[in-house]
Amino acid sequence: MPTYAYRCRDCTRTFELNRPMSESSAPAACPGGHLDTVKLLTTVALTGAAAAPAQGGGCCGGGCCG
């Protein structure tokens, strides 16, 4: 289940919620009970073997650069 980050406009607290993608646009109350929140744009960080650069391929790795 995806994790979404939000910021409360009343208390400026940042918090995360795990919710289905079908509920990604639904309003989210902050842990302090305030309702004026905004969903933050987040990025995915890859770590470990999945983040290692591939060997070969690409323009220069494939030999097309001369």
N, C-alpha and C. Protein backbone atom coordinates (compact mmCIF):
# COMPACT_ATOMS: atom_id res chain seq x y z
N MET A 1 0.86 -1.17 0.00
CA MET A 1 0.00 0.00 0.00
C MET A 1 0.90 1.24 0.00
N PRO A 2 0.63 2.20 -0.87
CA PRO A 2 1.47 3.39 -0.96
C PRO A 2 1.39 4.26 0.29
N THR A 3 2.47 4.99 0.53
CA THR A 3 2.53 5.95 1.62
C THR A 3 2.47 7.35 1.02
N TYR A 4 1.60 8.18 1.54
CA TYR A 4 1.44 9.55 1.06
C TYR A 4 1.82 10.51 2.18
N ALA A 5 2.53 11.58 1.83
CA ALA A 5 2.94 12.60 2.79
C ALA A 5 2.02 13.81 2.69
N TYR A 6 1.70 14.37 3.84
CA TYR A 6 0.81 15.53 3.92
C TYR A 6 1.43 16.57 4.85
N ARG A 7 1.00 17.82 4.70
CA ARG A 7 1.39 18.89 5.61
C ARG A 7 0.13 19.61 6.05
N CYS A 8 0.05 19.85 7.34
CA CYS A 8 -1.09 20.59 7.90
C CYS A 8 -0.81 22.08 7.77
N ARG A 9 -1.78 22.80 7.24
CA ARG A 9 -1.61 24.24 7.08
C ARG A 9 -1.85 24.99 8.39
N ASP A 10 -2.53 24.37 9.34
CA ASP A 10 -2.80 25.02 10.62
C ASP A 10 -1.60 24.94 11.56
N CYS A 11 -1.06 23.73 11.74
CA CYS A 11 0.04 23.56 12.71
C CYS A 11 1.39 23.30 12.04
N THR A 12 1.44 23.26 10.71
CA THR A 12 2.62 23.03 9.88
C THR A 12 3.28 21.67 10.11
N ARG A 13 2.58 20.76 10.73
CA ARG A 13 3.09 19.42 10.97
C ARG A 13 3.07 18.62 9.67
N THR A 14 4.12 17.81 9.44
CA THR A 14 4.17 16.91 8.29
C THR A 14 3.92 15.50 8.80
N PHE A 15 3.09 14.75 8.07
CA PHE A 15 2.76 13.39 8.50
C PHE A 15 2.54 12.52 7.27
N GLU A 16 2.57 11.21 7.47
CA GLU A 16 2.38 10.26 6.38
C GLU A 16 1.20 9.35 6.68
N LEU A 17 0.53 8.91 5.62
CA LEU A 17 -0.57 7.95 5.74
C LEU A 17 -0.37 6.84 4.72
N ASN A 18 -0.61 5.61 5.13
CA ASN A 18 -0.65 4.48 4.21
C ASN A 18 -2.11 4.31 3.81
N ARG A 19 -2.37 4.40 2.52
CA ARG A 19 -3.74 4.25 2.03
C ARG A 19 -3.72 3.74 0.61
N PRO A 20 -4.80 3.11 0.19
CA PRO A 20 -4.87 2.61 -1.20
C PRO A 20 -4.80 3.75 -2.20
N MET A 21 -4.34 3.45 -3.40
CA MET A 21 -4.26 4.47 -4.44
C MET A 21 -5.63 5.04 -4.76
N SER A 22 -6.67 4.26 -4.59
CA SER A 22 -8.02 4.74 -4.87
C SER A 22 -8.44 5.85 -3.90
N GLU A 23 -7.75 5.97 -2.76
CA GLU A 23 -8.05 7.00 -1.77
C GLU A 23 -7.00 8.10 -1.73
N SER A 24 -6.13 8.14 -2.74
CA SER A 24 -5.02 9.11 -2.73
C SER A 24 -5.49 10.56 -2.74
N SER A 25 -6.65 10.83 -3.29
CA SER A 25 -7.17 12.20 -3.37
C SER A 25 -8.10 12.55 -2.21
N ALA A 26 -8.40 11.58 -1.37
CA ALA A 26 -9.33 11.82 -0.26
C ALA A 26 -8.71 12.77 0.77
N PRO A 27 -9.52 13.59 1.42
CA PRO A 27 -9.00 14.49 2.46
C PRO A 27 -8.33 13.69 3.58
N ALA A 28 -7.33 14.31 4.21
CA ALA A 28 -6.62 13.65 5.31
C ALA A 28 -6.50 14.64 6.47
N ALA A 29 -7.00 14.26 7.62
CA ALA A 29 -6.87 15.09 8.82
C ALA A 29 -5.50 14.85 9.44
N CYS A 30 -4.88 15.89 9.95
CA CYS A 30 -3.58 15.74 10.59
C CYS A 30 -3.78 15.06 11.96
N PRO A 31 -2.71 14.50 12.53
CA PRO A 31 -2.81 13.86 13.83
C PRO A 31 -3.32 14.79 14.93
N GLY A 32 -3.17 16.11 14.74
CA GLY A 32 -3.67 17.08 15.70
C GLY A 32 -5.15 17.39 15.53
N GLY A 33 -5.78 16.77 14.51
CA GLY A 33 -7.22 16.95 14.30
C GLY A 33 -7.59 18.05 13.33
N HIS A 34 -6.61 18.75 12.78
CA HIS A 34 -6.91 19.82 11.83
C HIS A 34 -7.28 19.22 10.47
N LEU A 35 -8.14 19.89 9.75
CA LEU A 35 -8.60 19.38 8.46
C LEU A 35 -7.98 20.07 7.26
N ASP A 36 -7.30 21.20 7.45
CA ASP A 36 -6.71 21.95 6.35
C ASP A 36 -5.32 21.40 6.04
N THR A 37 -5.27 20.34 5.22
CA THR A 37 -4.01 19.70 4.88
C THR A 37 -3.80 19.69 3.38
N VAL A 38 -2.56 19.52 2.98
CA VAL A 38 -2.21 19.45 1.57
C VAL A 38 -1.29 18.25 1.35
N LYS A 39 -1.53 17.52 0.26
CA LYS A 39 -0.70 16.36 -0.06
C LYS A 39 0.61 16.87 -0.66
N LEU A 40 1.73 16.31 -0.21
CA LEU A 40 3.04 16.72 -0.69
C LEU A 40 3.48 15.84 -1.83
N LEU A 41 4.27 16.39 -2.72
CA LEU A 41 4.86 15.63 -3.80
C LEU A 41 6.09 14.92 -3.23
N THR A 42 6.14 13.61 -3.36
CA THR A 42 7.26 12.85 -2.85
C THR A 42 7.90 12.07 -3.98
N THR A 43 9.13 11.63 -3.74
CA THR A 43 9.85 10.83 -4.72
C THR A 43 10.19 9.49 -4.11
N VAL A 44 10.48 8.54 -4.95
CA VAL A 44 10.84 7.21 -4.50
C VAL A 44 12.36 7.09 -4.55
N ALA A 45 12.95 6.64 -3.45
CA ALA A 45 14.40 6.43 -3.41
C ALA A 45 14.68 4.95 -3.55
N LEU A 46 15.55 4.61 -4.48
CA LEU A 46 15.94 3.22 -4.66
C LEU A 46 17.28 3.00 -3.97
N THR A 47 17.38 1.91 -3.25
CA THR A 47 18.63 1.57 -2.57
C THR A 47 18.98 0.13 -2.85
N GLY A 48 20.21 -0.22 -2.61
CA GLY A 48 20.64 -1.60 -2.78
C GLY A 48 20.88 -1.95 -4.22
N ALA A 49 20.74 -3.22 -4.55
CA ALA A 49 21.04 -3.72 -5.89
C ALA A 49 20.14 -3.11 -6.95
N ALA A 50 18.91 -2.78 -6.60
CA ALA A 50 17.99 -2.20 -7.58
C ALA A 50 18.46 -0.83 -8.04
N ALA A 51 19.23 -0.12 -7.21
CA ALA A 51 19.68 1.22 -7.56
C ALA A 51 21.04 1.22 -8.25
N ALA A 52 21.71 0.08 -8.30
CA ALA A 52 23.04 0.01 -8.92
C ALA A 52 22.92 0.23 -10.41
N PRO A 53 23.85 1.01 -10.98
CA PRO A 53 23.77 1.25 -12.42
C PRO A 53 24.00 -0.05 -13.20
N ALA A 54 23.32 -0.16 -14.31
CA ALA A 54 23.45 -1.35 -15.15
C ALA A 54 24.79 -1.30 -15.86
N GLN A 55 25.35 -2.43 -16.14
CA GLN A 55 26.61 -2.53 -16.89
C GLN A 55 26.28 -2.64 -18.37
N GLY A 56 26.99 -1.87 -19.18
CA GLY A 56 26.75 -1.90 -20.62
C GLY A 56 25.48 -1.17 -20.99
N GLY A 57 25.07 -1.27 -22.23
CA GLY A 57 23.85 -0.63 -22.67
C GLY A 57 24.01 0.87 -22.73
N GLY A 58 22.99 1.58 -23.05
CA GLY A 58 23.06 3.02 -23.16
C GLY A 58 23.92 3.44 -24.34
N CYS A 59 24.05 4.70 -24.57
CA CYS A 59 24.81 5.16 -25.72
C CYS A 59 26.28 4.82 -25.60
N CYS A 60 26.97 5.38 -24.63
CA CYS A 60 28.41 5.14 -24.52
C CYS A 60 28.74 3.75 -24.02
N GLY A 61 27.88 3.18 -23.18
CA GLY A 61 28.13 1.82 -22.70
C GLY A 61 27.92 0.79 -23.77
N GLY A 62 27.17 1.14 -24.81
CA GLY A 62 26.89 0.21 -25.88
C GLY A 62 27.82 0.34 -27.07
N GLY A 63 28.72 1.29 -27.02
CA GLY A 63 29.73 1.44 -28.07
C GLY A 63 29.30 2.32 -29.23
N CYS A 64 28.24 3.10 -29.11
CA CYS A 64 27.81 3.93 -30.24
C CYS A 64 28.51 5.28 -30.24
N CYS A 65 29.32 5.58 -29.23
CA CYS A 65 29.98 6.88 -29.15
C CYS A 65 31.34 6.89 -29.83
N GLY A 66 31.75 5.77 -30.31
CA GLY A 66 32.98 5.74 -31.07
C GLY A 66 34.12 5.40 -30.27
